[in-house]
Structures are given as structure tokens and as C-alpha cells.
Amino acid sequence: MILKLKHMGAAIMLASGLMSVSAHASLTAFQTFTGTVGVSTDGFGSTSQAGVISALVPVGSTVIAAYLYTSTFAASLAGVGGTLQGNAVTYTSLGTNNASSVLTAGRADVTSIVKPLIDGGPGGVYNFNVTETSSVQDGEALVVVYSNGALAIGTIGILDGFSASSGDSTAINFAAGLNPLAPGFKAEMFLGIGFSCCSQQSTVTVNGTTITTTAGNNDDGVGSLSNGQLITVGGFDDPISGFLPSYANDHERYSLTPQITAGDTSIAIRTLNPSSDDNIFLAVFDVSGIAFINEPPNGVPEPGSLALMGLALAAVGLQRRRDKRA
């Protein structure tokens, strides 16, 4: 489902039909945004349970949505919480990794905290103080989606949950064939991985080609190598990982373009943690054009999506009636 809206002067299409009804089903499509949109991702982890997490947002942007994730080495989120910029946040469980039985991540909607601090701001890097309430929290990931009229039409897709022991598959589908050589073409993936360290590694395959076998490590952990800061998130300040990088040079940010052939109408991604001791809890995609994640390119909505569309249309109708009265 695509709902076309006017948002601060920039045309945005929100594909809200991709919000997962069940977030406890491995790595699942949570939300997508299509239009003149961009995304920032970042990670932080520390045994001090306090630090700074950031977002890179260009001037003239308007925040559409912001989500804060926490990654734990626990079977539940009991006692897990924290603050963002001094505001208490409550995390919703994304399910427990069924291979390890003790790795659980959570998500909190922090749009109301992030948006007032970025909208109308100078642009650039925005820093947010983040704290944790439990020593089982390995760290956080911040995802900020924004609109900006200077951007080309693209799609931001967010998947979250946990790593399935058999691996997770994602399909990004397009109505028209892709041209990876077109100026400005972009297809990137950012992964968030918890409890990752040392020889614990995950693999990523794109359109049948394995691009890495070394996803993981604790790139965003600060301080000593220990539980409580074992997290890595492909972020705005990370370089794009090369093809089959070494463990140290894998930064969980990848370009999918080299595995795309002109005319392709889909991108197939598969993630797998063979050692069953890492938790891929987050995958963010930033691609050119109008895309549908784990749905056919016609975007036929699921029953839950129809309800969302009805609410959206009702809101639009109410606004029009108010405008007429005015």
C-alpha cells in the first residue's frame, strides 16, 4: 500500500502496509518509507551504560520517524530500559533468538524525542545522550528516517526481530527493471548485530553471491572487550565494506549494487549466523526508486494494511473538512 502525502513541501509516499503484524517472527519487515527520503543509522555500546549515539541529517530535512533499539544477552527484556536525551524510553521485545535462547532485542519509537531537535536545525551530525538500566544491555542502534526535497525518489526499508537458526531471507521487489549504472543509483544495506565478538561471524548473500562471511564484531563497543558492549551497527560514519572483507574491515554497511544486473526487478538478500551465537536484530535498506520489501511490486495490501489505509483516508477527509470551514 502506498499513501501519497504532502509533508513540509516534499511529496512522500509512506508504504505503511509493510508494518509487520507479528514482530516475533525472525527478521521481519517492520516499516518502509518511499519518496524523497533518506536514513541515518548509528550504534553505541558501553559497560558504563551511558554515552552518545548520533544521527546525520542534512539541512532542510523533516524527521518522519525515529526508532531506538537495544540489544541484550538475556532471554527477556525484564528490567531493560533507559533514556534518550533525558527522556525515558520503553522497549518492545522483538523476540528471542531461537538458536541461542538468550539474545533478545527491543525497539522504542523515539520520534517525539528526535523530531523537535532536528526539524528546522542546521543539519549535520546530531548527538543524543543515551543510557541503559540493565547490565545485560549490549548497546543501542538509532534509525532516523527523514524527508528532504533535494533527494531523489527512493525507498527506506526497516526489518527487525532476531536471527533465525536457518537464516533469514529478504526480497526487495521493483515494478520496473533496475539500471545500476544510472547516475545516482543507490542500493545499500545496514545491519545491526548484537552479542558479536571475536570468532562469532555471520554471512550475507546478495542475489546468490556471498559478499561477506565476517559480519559481526563489536565495532560500536566502547571500552574493554566484555559483555555489555558487544554490538555493531552499520552506520552513517562507517565506510562501505568491500567484497569479502576481513573481520576487522567488515563494518556492517554494504553496497548491493555490484550484485545487481541491468534489468533485475528484485534483490534477494540472505543473512545467516552459522555459529548461532550472534543476533542480527536489524536490517535497514536504502534503495533508489519505489520498492516493496517481501511483497509483490504491485503492493497489494494485507488485511491489516487496509485498516491503516482506512484510518489514513479518514484523517485526510477530516483535514479537508476543516480546511473548507476555514
Foldseek 3Di string as FASTA:
>chain_A
DWDWDQDLNFIWTWLALQQDPALAPAWGWHTKIWGQKDKFKWKAFELVQKDKTKGAFAPQKAWDWKKKKWKFQALDCVQKWWDKQNHTWDWDWSHDAPLNNGIIMTMTTCCVPVRVVRVNDNGGMDMIMIGIRDLRTQIMMMMIMIHHRVGAIWMKIKIFHKAHQVWDKKKKFAPWWDDLPDPPWFKKKKWKKFPFADPFWKWKAKPRRIQEGQPAHQVNFDDDPDRGHRIAIQGPPQDAAGGHHDNVRHRRMHTNSVVGDTGDRMMMMIMHGNVSRMIGGMMMIIGHDDIDMPDYNVSDGDPVVVVVVVVVVVVVVVVVVVVVVD
